[in-house]
């Protein structure tokens, strides 16, 4: 069988790298999330510029964000 005059490259599939996500599996640390502590490497003269967007318990925030989705999932 003769070689074709024009070589058609074979289609190569793109490989997608696996992606991961991490999350807290314990109670979490509200003092860490709210920055209620002062590590040694913090310039305390700038702390007054900190912005707190939401200050609530992790459980309350989870319920607010995911309770409807959990209810729909559990209803299946």
N, C-alpha and C. Protein backbone atom coordinates (compact mmCIF):
# COMPACT_ATOMS: atom_id res chain seq x y z
N UNK A 1 0.85 -1.17 0.00
CA UNK A 1 0.00 0.00 0.00
C UNK A 1 0.90 1.24 0.00
N UNK A 2 0.59 2.21 -0.81
CA UNK A 2 1.42 3.41 -0.96
C UNK A 2 1.12 4.40 0.16
N UNK A 3 2.17 5.16 0.52
CA UNK A 3 2.02 6.23 1.51
C UNK A 3 1.16 7.34 0.92
N UNK A 4 0.28 7.96 1.73
CA UNK A 4 -0.50 9.08 1.20
C UNK A 4 0.42 10.27 0.93
N UNK A 5 0.06 11.10 -0.04
CA UNK A 5 0.88 12.25 -0.38
C UNK A 5 0.82 13.32 0.72
N UNK A 6 -0.31 13.44 1.36
CA UNK A 6 -0.45 14.43 2.43
C UNK A 6 -0.71 13.67 3.72
N UNK A 7 0.12 13.93 4.69
CA UNK A 7 -0.07 13.26 5.98
C UNK A 7 -1.05 14.06 6.81
N UNK A 8 -2.09 13.41 7.26
CA UNK A 8 -3.09 14.05 8.11
C UNK A 8 -2.75 13.70 9.55
N UNK A 9 -2.45 14.72 10.34
CA UNK A 9 -2.10 14.41 11.73
C UNK A 9 -3.29 13.80 12.47
N UNK A 10 -2.99 12.83 13.30
CA UNK A 10 -4.06 12.21 14.07
C UNK A 10 -4.52 13.17 15.15
N UNK A 11 -5.78 13.12 15.40
CA UNK A 11 -6.36 14.00 16.42
C UNK A 11 -5.86 13.56 17.79
N UNK A 12 -5.32 14.51 18.53
CA UNK A 12 -4.85 14.20 19.87
C UNK A 12 -5.82 14.80 20.88
N UNK A 13 -6.17 14.02 21.87
CA UNK A 13 -7.07 14.51 22.91
C UNK A 13 -6.29 15.37 23.88
N UNK A 14 -6.91 16.42 24.32
CA UNK A 14 -6.27 17.27 25.32
C UNK A 14 -6.42 16.61 26.67
N UNK A 15 -5.33 16.58 27.40
CA UNK A 15 -5.38 16.03 28.74
C UNK A 15 -5.71 17.14 29.73
N UNK A 16 -6.64 16.87 30.60
CA UNK A 16 -7.04 17.84 31.60
C UNK A 16 -6.45 17.41 32.93
N UNK A 17 -5.76 18.33 33.57
CA UNK A 17 -5.18 18.02 34.87
C UNK A 17 -6.29 17.95 35.92
N UNK A 18 -6.13 17.03 36.84
CA UNK A 18 -7.09 16.91 37.92
C UNK A 18 -7.00 18.14 38.80
N UNK A 19 -8.14 18.61 39.27
CA UNK A 19 -8.17 19.76 40.15
C UNK A 19 -8.70 19.32 41.51
N UNK A 20 -8.19 19.92 42.52
CA UNK A 20 -8.61 19.56 43.87
C UNK A 20 -9.06 20.80 44.61
N UNK A 21 -9.76 20.57 45.69
CA UNK A 21 -10.19 21.65 46.56
C UNK A 21 -9.99 21.16 47.99
N UNK A 22 -9.65 22.07 48.87
CA UNK A 22 -9.49 21.67 50.26
C UNK A 22 -10.49 22.44 51.11
N UNK A 23 -10.82 21.87 52.22
CA UNK A 23 -11.75 22.53 53.14
C UNK A 23 -11.49 22.04 54.54
N UNK A 24 -11.98 22.79 55.49
CA UNK A 24 -11.81 22.44 56.89
C UNK A 24 -12.73 21.27 57.22
N UNK A 25 -12.21 20.28 57.90
CA UNK A 25 -13.04 19.14 58.26
C UNK A 25 -13.39 19.14 59.74
N UNK A 26 -12.94 20.12 60.46
CA UNK A 26 -13.27 20.22 61.88
C UNK A 26 -14.22 21.37 62.12
N UNK A 27 -14.13 21.94 63.31
CA UNK A 27 -14.99 23.06 63.65
C UNK A 27 -14.56 24.34 62.96
N UNK A 28 -13.34 24.40 62.49
CA UNK A 28 -12.82 25.63 61.91
C UNK A 28 -12.34 26.54 63.02
N UNK A 29 -11.84 27.68 62.66
CA UNK A 29 -11.31 28.60 63.66
C UNK A 29 -11.88 29.99 63.40
N UNK A 30 -12.90 30.33 64.14
CA UNK A 30 -13.53 31.63 63.97
C UNK A 30 -12.56 32.75 64.30
N UNK A 31 -11.70 32.54 65.31
CA UNK A 31 -10.73 33.59 65.65
C UNK A 31 -9.74 33.80 64.50
N UNK A 32 -9.41 32.74 63.78
CA UNK A 32 -8.52 32.88 62.62
C UNK A 32 -9.25 33.59 61.48
N UNK A 33 -10.47 33.17 61.19
CA UNK A 33 -11.22 33.76 60.09
C UNK A 33 -11.51 35.24 60.33
N UNK A 34 -11.76 35.61 61.57
CA UNK A 34 -12.02 37.01 61.90
C UNK A 34 -10.76 37.78 62.27
N UNK A 35 -9.64 37.12 62.23
CA UNK A 35 -8.35 37.71 62.57
C UNK A 35 -8.38 38.34 63.97
N UNK A 36 -8.93 37.57 64.92
CA UNK A 36 -9.01 38.05 66.29
C UNK A 36 -7.69 37.87 67.04
N UNK A 37 -6.68 37.39 66.38
CA UNK A 37 -5.37 37.20 66.98
C UNK A 37 -4.37 38.07 66.22
N UNK A 38 -3.21 38.30 66.79
CA UNK A 38 -2.20 39.13 66.13
C UNK A 38 -0.89 38.35 66.04
N UNK A 39 -0.58 37.81 64.86
CA UNK A 39 0.70 37.11 64.70
C UNK A 39 1.87 38.09 64.78
N UNK A 40 3.06 37.56 64.97
CA UNK A 40 4.26 38.39 65.11
C UNK A 40 4.57 39.19 63.85
N UNK A 41 4.19 38.68 62.69
CA UNK A 41 4.57 39.34 61.43
C UNK A 41 3.56 40.40 60.97
N UNK A 42 2.64 40.81 61.84
CA UNK A 42 1.62 41.80 61.47
C UNK A 42 2.06 43.19 61.93
N UNK A 43 1.93 44.15 61.04
CA UNK A 43 2.20 45.55 61.36
C UNK A 43 0.94 46.12 62.01
N UNK A 44 0.92 46.21 63.34
CA UNK A 44 -0.29 46.62 64.05
C UNK A 44 -0.70 48.05 63.76
N UNK A 45 0.18 48.87 63.22
CA UNK A 45 -0.21 50.24 62.87
C UNK A 45 -1.17 50.25 61.69
N UNK A 46 -1.23 49.16 60.94
CA UNK A 46 -2.13 49.08 59.79
C UNK A 46 -3.40 48.28 60.08
N UNK A 47 -3.51 47.70 61.27
CA UNK A 47 -4.66 46.86 61.61
C UNK A 47 -5.98 47.61 61.55
N UNK A 48 -5.95 48.91 61.78
CA UNK A 48 -7.19 49.69 61.72
C UNK A 48 -7.78 49.72 60.31
N UNK A 49 -6.98 49.36 59.32
CA UNK A 49 -7.44 49.35 57.93
C UNK A 49 -8.12 48.03 57.55
N UNK A 50 -8.09 47.05 58.46
CA UNK A 50 -8.73 45.77 58.17
C UNK A 50 -10.22 45.95 57.95
N UNK A 51 -10.77 45.15 57.07
CA UNK A 51 -12.20 45.20 56.77
C UNK A 51 -12.80 43.84 57.12
N UNK A 52 -13.89 43.86 57.90
CA UNK A 52 -14.63 42.64 58.20
C UNK A 52 -15.89 42.66 57.35
N UNK A 53 -16.01 41.71 56.43
CA UNK A 53 -17.17 41.66 55.55
C UNK A 53 -18.37 41.06 56.26
N UNK A 54 -18.18 39.93 56.90
CA UNK A 54 -19.25 39.25 57.63
C UNK A 54 -18.64 38.63 58.86
N UNK A 55 -19.28 38.83 60.00
CA UNK A 55 -18.78 38.21 61.23
C UNK A 55 -19.89 37.33 61.79
N UNK A 56 -19.80 36.04 61.50
CA UNK A 56 -20.79 35.08 62.01
C UNK A 56 -20.10 33.74 62.21
N UNK A 57 -20.74 32.88 62.95
CA UNK A 57 -20.15 31.57 63.20
C UNK A 57 -20.07 30.79 61.89
N UNK A 58 -19.14 29.88 61.82
CA UNK A 58 -18.97 29.07 60.62
C UNK A 58 -20.21 28.23 60.35
N UNK A 59 -20.83 27.71 61.41
CA UNK A 59 -22.05 26.91 61.26
C UNK A 59 -23.18 27.75 60.67
N UNK A 60 -23.34 28.96 61.18
CA UNK A 60 -24.38 29.86 60.68
C UNK A 60 -24.13 30.22 59.21
N UNK A 61 -22.89 30.50 58.87
CA UNK A 61 -22.55 30.85 57.48
C UNK A 61 -22.81 29.66 56.55
N UNK A 62 -22.44 28.45 56.99
CA UNK A 62 -22.67 27.24 56.18
C UNK A 62 -24.16 27.05 55.94
N UNK A 63 -24.93 27.16 57.02
CA UNK A 63 -26.39 26.99 56.88
C UNK A 63 -26.98 28.03 55.93
N UNK A 64 -26.53 29.26 56.06
CA UNK A 64 -27.05 30.33 55.20
C UNK A 64 -26.73 30.05 53.73
N UNK A 65 -25.53 29.55 53.47
CA UNK A 65 -25.10 29.32 52.08
C UNK A 65 -25.65 28.03 51.48
N UNK A 66 -25.74 26.98 52.28
CA UNK A 66 -25.99 25.65 51.71
C UNK A 66 -27.25 24.95 52.17
N UNK A 67 -28.00 25.51 53.09
CA UNK A 67 -29.13 24.76 53.65
C UNK A 67 -30.17 24.38 52.59
N UNK A 68 -30.51 25.29 51.67
CA UNK A 68 -31.50 24.97 50.63
C UNK A 68 -30.99 23.84 49.73
N UNK A 69 -29.74 23.90 49.33
CA UNK A 69 -29.19 22.86 48.46
C UNK A 69 -29.15 21.52 49.18
N UNK A 70 -28.82 21.51 50.46
CA UNK A 70 -28.79 20.27 51.23
C UNK A 70 -30.20 19.69 51.35
N UNK A 71 -31.18 20.55 51.59
CA UNK A 71 -32.57 20.08 51.67
C UNK A 71 -33.03 19.45 50.36
N UNK A 72 -32.72 20.11 49.22
CA UNK A 72 -33.09 19.55 47.91
C UNK A 72 -32.39 18.23 47.67
N UNK A 73 -31.13 18.15 48.02
CA UNK A 73 -30.38 16.92 47.81
C UNK A 73 -30.95 15.79 48.66
N UNK A 74 -31.22 16.08 49.93
CA UNK A 74 -31.74 15.06 50.84
C UNK A 74 -33.16 14.63 50.48
N UNK A 75 -33.90 15.47 49.77
CA UNK A 75 -35.27 15.13 49.39
C UNK A 75 -35.32 14.12 48.24
N UNK A 76 -34.21 13.90 47.58
CA UNK A 76 -34.19 12.96 46.44
C UNK A 76 -34.41 11.55 46.88
